[in-house]
Full PDB file with SEQRES, HELIX, SHEET, SSBOND, CRYST1, ORIGX, SCALE, CONECT and MASTER records, all heavy atoms in Angstrom:
SEQRES   1 A   38  ALA GLY ILE LEU VAL ALA PHE VAL LEU PRO ARG GLN GLU          
SEQRES   2 A   38  GLU LEU LEU ASP ARG LEU LYS ASP GLU GLN ALA PRO ASP          
SEQRES   3 A   38  HIS ARG ASP THR VAL GLN LEU ALA MET PHE THR GLY              
HELIX    1 AA1 GLY A    2  ILE A    3  1                                   2    
HELIX    2 AA2 LEU A    4  VAL A    8  3                                   5    
HELIX    3 AA3 LEU A    9  LYS A   20  1                                  12    
HELIX    4 AA4 HIS A   27  THR A   37  1                                  11    
CRYST1    1.000    1.000    1.000  90.00  90.00  90.00 P 1           1          
ORIGX1      1.000000  0.000000  0.000000        0.00000                         
ORIGX2      0.000000  1.000000  0.000000        0.00000                         
ORIGX3      0.000000  0.000000  1.000000        0.00000                         
SCALE1      1.000000  0.000000  0.000000        0.00000                         
SCALE2      0.000000  1.000000  0.000000        0.00000                         
SCALE3      0.000000  0.000000  1.000000        0.00000                         
ATOM      1  N   ALA A   1      94.920  92.176  77.172  1.00  0.00           N  
ATOM      2  CA  ALA A   1      93.581  91.802  77.643  1.00  0.00           C  
ATOM      3  C   ALA A   1      93.664  90.996  78.931  1.00  0.00           C  
ATOM      4  O   ALA A   1      92.862  91.200  79.854  1.00  0.00           O  
ATOM      5  CB  ALA A   1      92.858  91.000  76.560  1.00  0.00           C  
ATOM      6  N   GLY A   2      94.639  90.097  79.012  1.00  0.00           N  
ATOM      7  CA  GLY A   2      94.818  89.305  80.229  1.00  0.00           C  
ATOM      8  C   GLY A   2      95.150  90.174  81.432  1.00  0.00           C  
ATOM      9  O   GLY A   2      94.610  89.970  82.525  1.00  0.00           O  
ATOM     10  N   ILE A   3      96.027  91.154  81.242  1.00  0.00           N  
ATOM     11  CA  ILE A   3      96.382  92.050  82.345  1.00  0.00           C  
ATOM     12  C   ILE A   3      95.171  92.877  82.764  1.00  0.00           C  
ATOM     13  O   ILE A   3      94.918  93.065  83.957  1.00  0.00           O  
ATOM     14  CB  ILE A   3      97.571  92.949  81.943  1.00  0.00           C  
ATOM     15  CG1 ILE A   3      98.840  92.092  81.902  1.00  0.00           C  
ATOM     16  CG2 ILE A   3      97.735  94.126  82.893  1.00  0.00           C  
ATOM     17  CD1 ILE A   3     100.047  92.787  81.344  1.00  0.00           C  
ATOM     18  N   LEU A   4      94.407  93.341  81.794  1.00  0.00           N  
ATOM     19  CA  LEU A   4      93.216  94.129  82.120  1.00  0.00           C  
ATOM     20  C   LEU A   4      92.221  93.307  82.932  1.00  0.00           C  
ATOM     21  O   LEU A   4      91.731  93.760  83.970  1.00  0.00           O  
ATOM     22  CB  LEU A   4      92.561  94.648  80.840  1.00  0.00           C  
ATOM     23  CG  LEU A   4      91.308  95.508  81.026  1.00  0.00           C  
ATOM     24  CD1 LEU A   4      91.645  96.819  81.717  1.00  0.00           C  
ATOM     25  CD2 LEU A   4      90.650  95.775  79.691  1.00  0.00           C  
ATOM     26  N   VAL A   5      91.956  92.102  82.474  1.00  0.00           N  
ATOM     27  CA  VAL A   5      90.937  91.270  83.119  1.00  0.00           C  
ATOM     28  C   VAL A   5      91.424  90.675  84.447  1.00  0.00           C  
ATOM     29  O   VAL A   5      90.671  90.586  85.411  1.00  0.00           O  
ATOM     30  CB  VAL A   5      90.481  90.152  82.153  1.00  0.00           C  
ATOM     31  CG1 VAL A   5      89.616  89.126  82.839  1.00  0.00           C  
ATOM     32  CG2 VAL A   5      89.734  90.760  80.979  1.00  0.00           C  
ATOM     33  N   ALA A   6      92.688  90.291  84.507  1.00  0.00           N  
ATOM     34  CA  ALA A   6      93.190  89.603  85.696  1.00  0.00           C  
ATOM     35  C   ALA A   6      93.732  90.532  86.779  1.00  0.00           C  
ATOM     36  O   ALA A   6      93.693  90.178  87.962  1.00  0.00           O  
ATOM     37  CB  ALA A   6      94.284  88.611  85.300  1.00  0.00           C  
ATOM     38  N   PHE A   7      94.231  91.700  86.382  1.00  0.00           N  
ATOM     39  CA  PHE A   7      94.890  92.551  87.370  1.00  0.00           C  
ATOM     40  C   PHE A   7      94.272  93.938  87.526  1.00  0.00           C  
ATOM     41  O   PHE A   7      94.084  94.399  88.644  1.00  0.00           O  
ATOM     42  CB  PHE A   7      96.380  92.708  87.026  1.00  0.00           C  
ATOM     43  CG  PHE A   7      97.132  91.412  87.042  1.00  0.00           C  
ATOM     44  CD1 PHE A   7      97.531  90.817  85.868  1.00  0.00           C  
ATOM     45  CD2 PHE A   7      97.423  90.778  88.241  1.00  0.00           C  
ATOM     46  CE1 PHE A   7      98.216  89.612  85.879  1.00  0.00           C  
ATOM     47  CE2 PHE A   7      98.099  89.576  88.258  1.00  0.00           C  
ATOM     48  CZ  PHE A   7      98.503  88.993  87.078  1.00  0.00           C  
ATOM     49  N   VAL A   8      93.963  94.611  86.420  1.00  0.00           N  
ATOM     50  CA  VAL A   8      93.503  95.998  86.511  1.00  0.00           C  
ATOM     51  C   VAL A   8      92.071  96.081  87.042  1.00  0.00           C  
ATOM     52  O   VAL A   8      91.812  96.731  88.068  1.00  0.00           O  
ATOM     53  CB  VAL A   8      93.641  96.719  85.148  1.00  0.00           C  
ATOM     54  CG1 VAL A   8      93.046  98.113  85.209  1.00  0.00           C  
ATOM     55  CG2 VAL A   8      95.108  96.787  84.735  1.00  0.00           C  
ATOM     56  N   LEU A   9      91.125  95.441  86.354  1.00  0.00           N  
ATOM     57  CA  LEU A   9      89.719  95.547  86.765  1.00  0.00           C  
ATOM     58  C   LEU A   9      89.468  95.005  88.175  1.00  0.00           C  
ATOM     59  O   LEU A   9      88.775  95.661  88.966  1.00  0.00           O  
ATOM     60  CB  LEU A   9      88.812  94.873  85.737  1.00  0.00           C  
ATOM     61  CG  LEU A   9      88.766  95.539  84.359  1.00  0.00           C  
ATOM     62  CD1 LEU A   9      87.920  94.723  83.391  1.00  0.00           C  
ATOM     63  CD2 LEU A   9      88.258  96.964  84.450  1.00  0.00           C  
ATOM     64  N   PRO A  10      90.014  93.835  88.548  1.00  0.00           N  
ATOM     65  CA  PRO A  10      89.772  93.353  89.916  1.00  0.00           C  
ATOM     66  C   PRO A  10      90.351  94.278  90.992  1.00  0.00           C  
ATOM     67  O   PRO A  10      89.722  94.485  92.039  1.00  0.00           O  
ATOM     68  CB  PRO A  10      90.455  91.985  89.959  1.00  0.00           C  
ATOM     69  CG  PRO A  10      90.531  91.543  88.542  1.00  0.00           C  
ATOM     70  CD  PRO A  10      90.688  92.804  87.740  1.00  0.00           C  
ATOM     71  N   ARG A  11      91.516  94.858  90.745  1.00  0.00           N  
ATOM     72  CA  ARG A  11      92.101  95.760  91.738  1.00  0.00           C  
ATOM     73  C   ARG A  11      91.315  97.067  91.823  1.00  0.00           C  
ATOM     74  O   ARG A  11      91.193  97.648  92.896  1.00  0.00           O  
ATOM     75  CB  ARG A  11      93.570  96.005  91.431  1.00  0.00           C  
ATOM     76  CG  ARG A  11      94.402  94.818  91.901  1.00  0.00           C  
ATOM     77  CD  ARG A  11      95.859  94.955  91.561  1.00  0.00           C  
ATOM     78  NE  ARG A  11      96.653  93.889  92.156  1.00  0.00           N  
ATOM     79  CZ  ARG A  11      96.666  92.628  91.771  1.00  0.00           C  
ATOM     80  NH1 ARG A  11      95.896  92.241  90.781  1.00  0.00           N  
ATOM     81  NH2 ARG A  11      97.439  91.738  92.360  1.00  0.00           N  
ATOM     82  N   GLN A  12      90.784  97.514  90.711  1.00  0.00           N  
ATOM     83  CA  GLN A  12      89.905  98.686  90.764  1.00  0.00           C  
ATOM     84  C   GLN A  12      88.679  98.386  91.633  1.00  0.00           C  
ATOM     85  O   GLN A  12      88.283  99.214  92.460  1.00  0.00           O  
ATOM     86  CB  GLN A  12      89.453  99.088  89.352  1.00  0.00           C  
ATOM     87  CG  GLN A  12      90.502  99.760  88.523  1.00  0.00           C  
ATOM     88  CD  GLN A  12      89.984 100.137  87.149  1.00  0.00           C  
ATOM     89  OE1 GLN A  12      88.887  99.744  86.731  1.00  0.00           O  
ATOM     90  NE2 GLN A  12      90.777 100.905  86.425  1.00  0.00           N  
ATOM     91  N   GLU A  13      88.108  97.202  91.446  1.00  0.00           N  
ATOM     92  CA  GLU A  13      86.933  96.818  92.238  1.00  0.00           C  
ATOM     93  C   GLU A  13      87.266  96.742  93.725  1.00  0.00           C  
ATOM     94  O   GLU A  13      86.473  97.164  94.569  1.00  0.00           O  
ATOM     95  CB  GLU A  13      86.376  95.489  91.735  1.00  0.00           C  
ATOM     96  CG  GLU A  13      85.724  95.603  90.370  1.00  0.00           C  
ATOM     97  CD  GLU A  13      85.385  94.259  89.746  1.00  0.00           C  
ATOM     98  OE1 GLU A  13      85.530  93.213  90.405  1.00  0.00           O  
ATOM     99  OE2 GLU A  13      84.976  94.269  88.576  1.00  0.00           O  
ATOM    100  N   GLU A  14      88.444  96.205  94.063  1.00  0.00           N  
ATOM    101  CA  GLU A  14      88.848  96.133  95.466  1.00  0.00           C  
ATOM    102  C   GLU A  14      88.964  97.527  96.076  1.00  0.00           C  
ATOM    103  O   GLU A  14      88.502  97.763  97.201  1.00  0.00           O  
ATOM    104  CB  GLU A  14      90.191  95.407  95.600  1.00  0.00           C  
ATOM    105  CG  GLU A  14      90.136  93.928  95.318  1.00  0.00           C  
ATOM    106  CD  GLU A  14      91.520  93.292  95.254  1.00  0.00           C  
ATOM    107  OE1 GLU A  14      92.529  93.961  95.614  1.00  0.00           O  
ATOM    108  OE2 GLU A  14      91.611  92.126  94.825  1.00  0.00           O  
ATOM    109  N   LEU A  15      89.570  98.446  95.341  1.00  0.00           N  
ATOM    110  CA  LEU A  15      89.701  99.812  95.847  1.00  0.00           C  
ATOM    111  C   LEU A  15      88.339 100.482  95.978  1.00  0.00           C  
ATOM    112  O   LEU A  15      88.092 101.213  96.941  1.00  0.00           O  
ATOM    113  CB  LEU A  15      90.627 100.625  94.947  1.00  0.00           C  
ATOM    114  CG  LEU A  15      92.106 100.234  95.014  1.00  0.00           C  
ATOM    115  CD1 LEU A  15      92.903 100.928  93.925  1.00  0.00           C  
ATOM    116  CD2 LEU A  15      92.686 100.550  96.380  1.00  0.00           C  
ATOM    117  N   LEU A  16      87.454 100.234  95.039  1.00  0.00           N  
ATOM    118  CA  LEU A  16      86.099 100.791  95.136  1.00  0.00           C  
ATOM    119  C   LEU A  16      85.362 100.235  96.349  1.00  0.00           C  
ATOM    120  O   LEU A  16      84.643 100.969  97.042  1.00  0.00           O  
ATOM    121  CB  LEU A  16      85.304 100.500  93.866  1.00  0.00           C  
ATOM    122  CG  LEU A  16      85.653 101.347  92.654  1.00  0.00           C  
ATOM    123  CD1 LEU A  16      84.872 100.872  91.445  1.00  0.00           C  
ATOM    124  CD2 LEU A  16      85.376 102.813  92.935  1.00  0.00           C  
ATOM    125  N   ASP A  17      85.527  98.940  96.600  1.00  0.00           N  
ATOM    126  CA  ASP A  17      84.886  98.338  97.775  1.00  0.00           C  
ATOM    127  C   ASP A  17      85.385  98.994  99.055  1.00  0.00           C  
ATOM    128  O   ASP A  17      84.605  99.242  99.980  1.00  0.00           O  
ATOM    129  CB  ASP A  17      85.139  96.827  97.819  1.00  0.00           C  
ATOM    130  CG  ASP A  17      84.356  96.077  96.751  1.00  0.00           C  
ATOM    131  OD1 ASP A  17      83.378  96.649  96.215  1.00  0.00           O  
ATOM    132  OD2 ASP A  17      84.720  94.917  96.453  1.00  0.00           O  
ATOM    133  N   ARG A  18      86.677  99.264  99.131  1.00  0.00           N  
ATOM    134  CA  ARG A  18      87.219  99.940 100.317  1.00  0.00           C  
ATOM    135  C   ARG A  18      86.608 101.325 100.477  1.00  0.00           C  
ATOM    136  O   ARG A  18      86.262 101.720 101.586  1.00  0.00           O  
ATOM    137  CB  ARG A  18      88.739 100.057 100.224  1.00  0.00           C  
ATOM    138  CG  ARG A  18      89.429  98.780 100.511  1.00  0.00           C  
ATOM    139  CD  ARG A  18      90.894  99.015 100.694  1.00  0.00           C  
ATOM    140  NE  ARG A  18      91.554  97.722 100.822  1.00  0.00           N  
ATOM    141  CZ  ARG A  18      92.808  97.517 100.618  1.00  0.00           C  
ATOM    142  NH1 ARG A  18      93.600  98.512 100.269  1.00  0.00           N  
ATOM    143  NH2 ARG A  18      93.326  96.322 100.754  1.00  0.00           N  
ATOM    144  N   LEU A  19      86.519 102.057  99.373  1.00  0.00           N  
ATOM    145  CA  LEU A  19      85.932 103.393  99.454  1.00  0.00           C  
ATOM    146  C   LEU A  19      84.464 103.327  99.856  1.00  0.00           C  
ATOM    147  O   LEU A  19      83.995 104.158 100.636  1.00  0.00           O  
ATOM    148  CB  LEU A  19      86.089 104.124  98.118  1.00  0.00           C  
ATOM    149  CG  LEU A  19      87.497 104.619  97.806  1.00  0.00           C  
ATOM    150  CD1 LEU A  19      87.594 105.086  96.355  1.00  0.00           C  
ATOM    151  CD2 LEU A  19      87.891 105.733  98.762  1.00  0.00           C  
ATOM    152  N   LYS A  20      83.747 102.346  99.342  1.00  0.00           N  
ATOM    153  CA  LYS A  20      82.333 102.203  99.698  1.00  0.00           C  
ATOM    154  C   LYS A  20      82.150 101.805 101.158  1.00  0.00           C  
ATOM    155  O   LYS A  20      81.147 102.125 101.770  1.00  0.00           O  
ATOM    156  CB  LYS A  20      81.652 101.193  98.770  1.00  0.00           C  
ATOM    157  CG  LYS A  20      81.475 101.732  97.366  1.00  0.00           C  
ATOM    158  CD  LYS A  20      80.899 100.697  96.436  1.00  0.00           C  
ATOM    159  CE  LYS A  20      80.858 101.245  95.019  1.00  0.00           C  
ATOM    160  NZ  LYS A  20      80.470 100.230  94.046  1.00  0.00           N  
ATOM    161  N   ASP A  21      83.142 101.087 101.698  1.00  0.00           N  
ATOM    162  CA  ASP A  21      83.115 100.718 103.120  1.00  0.00           C  
ATOM    163  C   ASP A  21      83.711 101.818 103.995  1.00  0.00           C  
ATOM    164  O   ASP A  21      83.991 101.590 105.164  1.00  0.00           O  
ATOM    165  CB  ASP A  21      83.893  99.413 103.349  1.00  0.00           C  
ATOM    166  CG  ASP A  21      83.209  98.213 102.749  1.00  0.00           C  
ATOM    167  OD1 ASP A  21      81.991  98.295 102.484  1.00  0.00           O  
ATOM    168  OD2 ASP A  21      83.895  97.188 102.530  1.00  0.00           O  
ATOM    169  N   GLU A  22      83.922 102.987 103.396  1.00  0.00           N  
ATOM    170  CA  GLU A  22      84.462 104.161 104.077  1.00  0.00           C  
ATOM    171  C   GLU A  22      85.846 103.920 104.661  1.00  0.00           C  
ATOM    172  O   GLU A  22      86.156 104.347 105.772  1.00  0.00           O  
ATOM    173  CB  GLU A  22      83.479 104.672 105.136  1.00  0.00           C  
ATOM    174  CG  GLU A  22      82.171 105.138 104.524  1.00  0.00           C  
ATOM    175  CD  GLU A  22      81.246 105.766 105.551  1.00  0.00           C  
ATOM    176  OE1 GLU A  22      81.607 105.836 106.733  1.00  0.00           O  
ATOM    177  OE2 GLU A  22      80.155 106.180 105.136  1.00  0.00           O  
ATOM    178  N   GLN A  23      86.671 103.208 103.908  1.00  0.00           N  
ATOM    179  CA  GLN A  23      88.068 103.003 104.270  1.00  0.00           C  
ATOM    180  C   GLN A  23      88.936 103.688 103.226  1.00  0.00           C  
ATOM    181  O   GLN A  23      88.632 103.644 102.038  1.00  0.00           O  
ATOM    182  CB  GLN A  23      88.429 101.511 104.305  1.00  0.00           C  
ATOM    183  CG  GLN A  23      87.661 100.711 105.313  1.00  0.00           C  
ATOM    184  CD  GLN A  23      87.946  99.217 105.162  1.00  0.00           C  
ATOM    185  OE1 GLN A  23      88.708  98.810 104.298  1.00  0.00           O  
ATOM    186  NE2 GLN A  23      87.319  98.426 105.992  1.00  0.00           N  
ATOM    187  N   ALA A  24      90.004 104.295 103.682  1.00  0.00           N  
ATOM    188  CA  ALA A  24      90.932 104.930 102.739  1.00  0.00           C  
ATOM    189  C   ALA A  24      91.692 103.849 101.973  1.00  0.00           C  
ATOM    190  O   ALA A  24      92.092 102.841 102.555  1.00  0.00           O  
ATOM    191  CB  ALA A  24      91.904 105.825 103.495  1.00  0.00           C  
ATOM    192  N   PRO A  25      91.906 104.058 100.684  1.00  0.00           N  
ATOM    193  CA  PRO A  25      92.675 103.078  99.916  1.00  0.00           C  
ATOM    194  C   PRO A  25      94.137 103.069 100.367  1.00  0.00           C  
ATOM    195  O   PRO A  25      94.692 104.113 100.694  1.00  0.00           O  
ATOM    196  CB  PRO A  25      92.554 103.537  98.469  1.00  0.00           C  
ATOM    197  CG  PRO A  25      91.921 104.872  98.489  1.00  0.00           C  
ATOM    198  CD  PRO A  25      91.403 105.136  99.851  1.00  0.00           C  
ATOM    199  N   ASP A  26      94.716 101.896 100.387  1.00  0.00           N  
ATOM    200  CA  ASP A  26      96.122 101.744 100.738  1.00  0.00           C  
ATOM    201  C   ASP A  26      96.970 102.268  99.584  1.00  0.00           C  
ATOM    202  O   ASP A  26      96.733 101.932  98.418  1.00  0.00           O  
ATOM    203  CB  ASP A  26      96.428 100.267 101.015  1.00  0.00           C  
ATOM    204  CG  ASP A  26      97.841 100.044 101.509  1.00  0.00           C  
ATOM    205  OD1 ASP A  26      98.434 100.978 102.079  1.00  0.00           O  
ATOM    206  OD2 ASP A  26      98.355  98.927 101.325  1.00  0.00           O  
ATOM    207  N   HIS A  27      97.967 103.091  99.908  1.00  0.00           N  
ATOM    208  CA  HIS A  27      98.820 103.689  98.872  1.00  0.00           C  
ATOM    209  C   HIS A  27      99.527 102.615  98.042  1.00  0.00           C  
ATOM    210  O   HIS A  27      99.655 102.751  96.828  1.00  0.00           O  
ATOM    211  CB  HIS A  27      99.838 104.632  99.518  1.00  0.00           C  
ATOM    212  CG  HIS A  27     100.706 105.327  98.520  1.00  0.00           C  
ATOM    213  ND1 HIS A  27     100.236 106.334  97.695  1.00  0.00           N  
ATOM    214  CD2 HIS A  27     102.000 105.153  98.184  1.00  0.00           C  
ATOM    215  CE1 HIS A  27     101.208 106.743  96.910  1.00  0.00           C  
ATOM    216  NE2 HIS A  27     102.294 106.053  97.194  1.00  0.00           N  
ATOM    217  N   ARG A  28      99.970 101.542  98.699  1.00  0.00           N  
ATOM    218  CA  ARG A  28     100.651 100.464  97.961  1.00  0.00           C  
ATOM    219  C   ARG A  28      99.737  99.842  96.914  1.00  0.00           C  
ATOM    220  O   ARG A  28     100.182  99.479  95.829  1.00  0.00           O  
ATOM    221  CB  ARG A  28     101.147  99.379  98.919  1.00  0.00           C  
ATOM    222  CG  ARG A  28     102.354  99.759  99.713  1.00  0.00           C  
ATOM    223  CD  ARG A  28     102.786  98.597 100.543  1.00  0.00           C  
ATOM    224  NE  ARG A  28     101.618  98.028 101.238  1.00  0.00           N  
ATOM    225  CZ  ARG A  28     101.661  97.306 102.327  1.00  0.00           C  
ATOM    226  NH1 ARG A  28     102.815  97.021 102.863  1.00  0.00           N  
ATOM    227  NH2 ARG A  28     100.570  96.841 102.884  1.00  0.00           N  
ATOM    228  N   ASP A  29      98.472  99.701  97.259  1.00  0.00           N  
ATOM    229  CA  ASP A  29      97.522  99.115  96.306  1.00  0.00           C  
ATOM    230  C   ASP A  29      97.337 100.009  95.080  1.00  0.00           C  
ATOM    231  O   ASP A  29      97.236  99.522  93.950  1.00  0.00           O  
ATOM    232  CB  ASP A  29      96.177  98.852  96.971  1.00  0.00           C  
ATOM    233  CG  ASP A  29      96.245  97.724  97.989  1.00  0.00           C  
ATOM    234  OD1 ASP A  29      97.174  96.900  97.904  1.00  0.00           O  
ATOM    235  OD2 ASP A  29      95.372  97.690  98.877  1.00  0.00           O  
ATOM    236  N   THR A  30      97.275 101.332  95.308  1.00  0.00           N  
ATOM    237  CA  THR A  30      97.109 102.230  94.163  1.00  0.00           C  
ATOM    238  C   THR A  30      98.380 102.270  93.311  1.00  0.00           C  
ATOM    239  O   THR A  30      98.302 102.370  92.090  1.00  0.00           O  
ATOM    240  CB  THR A  30      96.724 103.653  94.598  1.00  0.00           C  
ATOM    241  OG1 THR A  30      97.732 104.189  95.450  1.00  0.00           O  
ATOM    242  CG2 THR A  30      95.376 103.667  95.298  1.00  0.00           C  
ATOM    243  N   VAL A  31      99.532 102.156  93.950  1.00  0.00           N  
ATOM    244  CA  VAL A  31     100.791 102.127  93.194  1.00  0.00           C  
ATOM    245  C   VAL A  31     100.882 100.844  92.370  1.00  0.00           C  
ATOM    246  O   VAL A  31     101.268 100.870  91.196  1.00  0.00           O  
ATOM    247  CB  VAL A  31     102.002 102.275  94.153  1.00  0.00           C  
ATOM    248  CG1 VAL A  31     103.306 101.969  93.435  1.00  0.00           C  
ATOM    249  CG2 VAL A  31     102.025 103.664  94.753  1.00  0.00           C  
ATOM    250  N   GLN A  32     100.494  99.729  92.973  1.00  0.00           N  
ATOM    251  CA  GLN A  32     100.522  98.458  92.243  1.00  0.00           C  
ATOM    252  C   GLN A  32      99.540  98.489  91.069  1.00  0.00           C  
ATOM    253  O   GLN A  32      99.851  98.028  89.971  1.00  0.00           O  
ATOM    254  CB  GLN A  32     100.202  97.306  93.188  1.00  0.00           C  
ATOM    255  CG  GLN A  32     100.394  95.947  92.553  1.00  0.00           C  
ATOM    256  CD  GLN A  32     100.076  94.837  93.519  1.00  0.00           C  
ATOM    257  OE1 GLN A  32      99.009  94.822  94.135  1.00  0.00           O  
ATOM    258  NE2 GLN A  32     100.999  93.898  93.655  1.00  0.00           N  
ATOM    259  N   LEU A  33      98.366  99.047  91.294  1.00  0.00           N  
ATOM    260  CA  LEU A  33      97.392  99.185  90.209  1.00  0.00           C  
ATOM    261  C   LEU A  33      97.951 100.073  89.100  1.00  0.00           C  
ATOM    262  O   LEU A  33      97.794  99.768  87.914  1.00  0.00           O  
ATOM    263  CB  LEU A  33      96.075  99.758  90.734  1.00  0.00           C  
ATOM    264  CG  LEU A  33      95.017 100.085  89.676  1.00  0.00           C  
ATOM    265  CD1 LEU A  33      94.639  98.845  88.881  1.00  0.00           C  
ATOM    266  CD2 LEU A  33      93.801 100.707  90.332  1.00  0.00           C  
ATOM    267  N   ALA A  34      98.623 101.152  89.474  1.00  0.00           N  
ATOM    268  CA  ALA A  34      99.226 102.033  88.472  1.00  0.00           C  
ATOM    269  C   ALA A  34     100.283 101.284  87.659  1.00  0.00           C  
ATOM    270  O   ALA A  34     100.408 101.492  86.442  1.00  0.00           O  
ATOM    271  CB  ALA A  34      99.837 103.256  89.144  1.00  0.00           C  
ATOM    272  N   MET A  35     101.029 100.391  88.312  1.00  0.00           N  
ATOM    273  CA  MET A  35     102.038  99.605  87.601  1.00  0.00           C  
ATOM    274  C   MET A  35     101.377  98.683  86.568  1.00  0.00           C  
ATOM    275  O   MET A  35     101.789  98.643  85.404  1.00  0.00           O  
ATOM    276  CB  MET A  35     102.865  98.766  88.575  1.00  0.00           C  
ATOM    277  CG  MET A  35     103.883  97.875  87.883  1.00  0.00           C  
ATOM    278  SD  MET A  35     104.533  96.580  88.937  1.00  0.00           S  
ATOM    279  CE  MET A  35     103.099  95.603  89.258  1.00  0.00           C  
ATOM    280  N   PHE A  36     100.346  97.952  86.985  1.00  0.00           N  
ATOM    281  CA  PHE A  36      99.653  97.063  86.047  1.00  0.00           C  
ATOM    282  C   PHE A  36      99.012  97.857  84.910  1.00  0.00           C  
ATOM    283  O   PHE A  36      99.033  97.428  83.754  1.00  0.00           O  
ATOM    284  CB  PHE A  36      98.606  96.221  86.761  1.00  0.00           C  
ATOM    285  CG  PHE A  36      99.179  95.137  87.615  1.00  0.00           C  
ATOM    286  CD1 PHE A  36      98.869  95.046  88.960  1.00  0.00           C  
ATOM    287  CD2 PHE A  36     100.051  94.195  87.080  1.00  0.00           C  
ATOM    288  CE1 PHE A  36      99.405  94.038  89.747  1.00  0.00           C  
ATOM    289  CE2 PHE A  36     100.589  93.184  87.856  1.00  0.00           C  
ATOM    290  CZ  PHE A  36     100.264  93.113  89.198  1.00  0.00           C  
ATOM    291  N   THR A  37      98.459  99.007  85.243  1.00  0.00           N  
ATOM    292  CA  THR A  37      97.860  99.858  84.212  1.00  0.00           C  
ATOM    293  C   THR A  37      98.918 100.337  83.237  1.00  0.00           C  
ATOM    294  O   THR A  37      98.686 100.379  82.022  1.00  0.00           O  
ATOM    295  CB  THR A  37      97.143 101.055  84.871  1.00  0.00           C  
ATOM    296  OG1 THR A  37      96.133 100.561  85.749  1.00  0.00           O  
ATOM    297  CG2 THR A  37      96.513 101.951  83.834  1.00  0.00           C  
ATOM    298  N   GLY A  38     100.082 100.690  83.737  1.00  0.00           N  
ATOM    299  CA  GLY A  38     101.177 101.121  82.868  1.00  0.00           C  
ATOM    300  C   GLY A  38     101.619 100.020  81.924  1.00  0.00           C  
ATOM    301  O   GLY A  38     101.874 100.269  80.733  1.00  0.00           O  
TER     302      GLY A  38                                                      
MASTER        0    0    0    4    0    0    0    6  301    1    0    3          
END                                                                             
């Protein structure tokens, strides 16, 4: 639960904000998010 609340959900929101601002997500950020999700 701590990992979900502290790392997964906030990083998802950051990536969504980038997409909404019409910026491509950084590959490192998606890899890091995948690690926390794993």
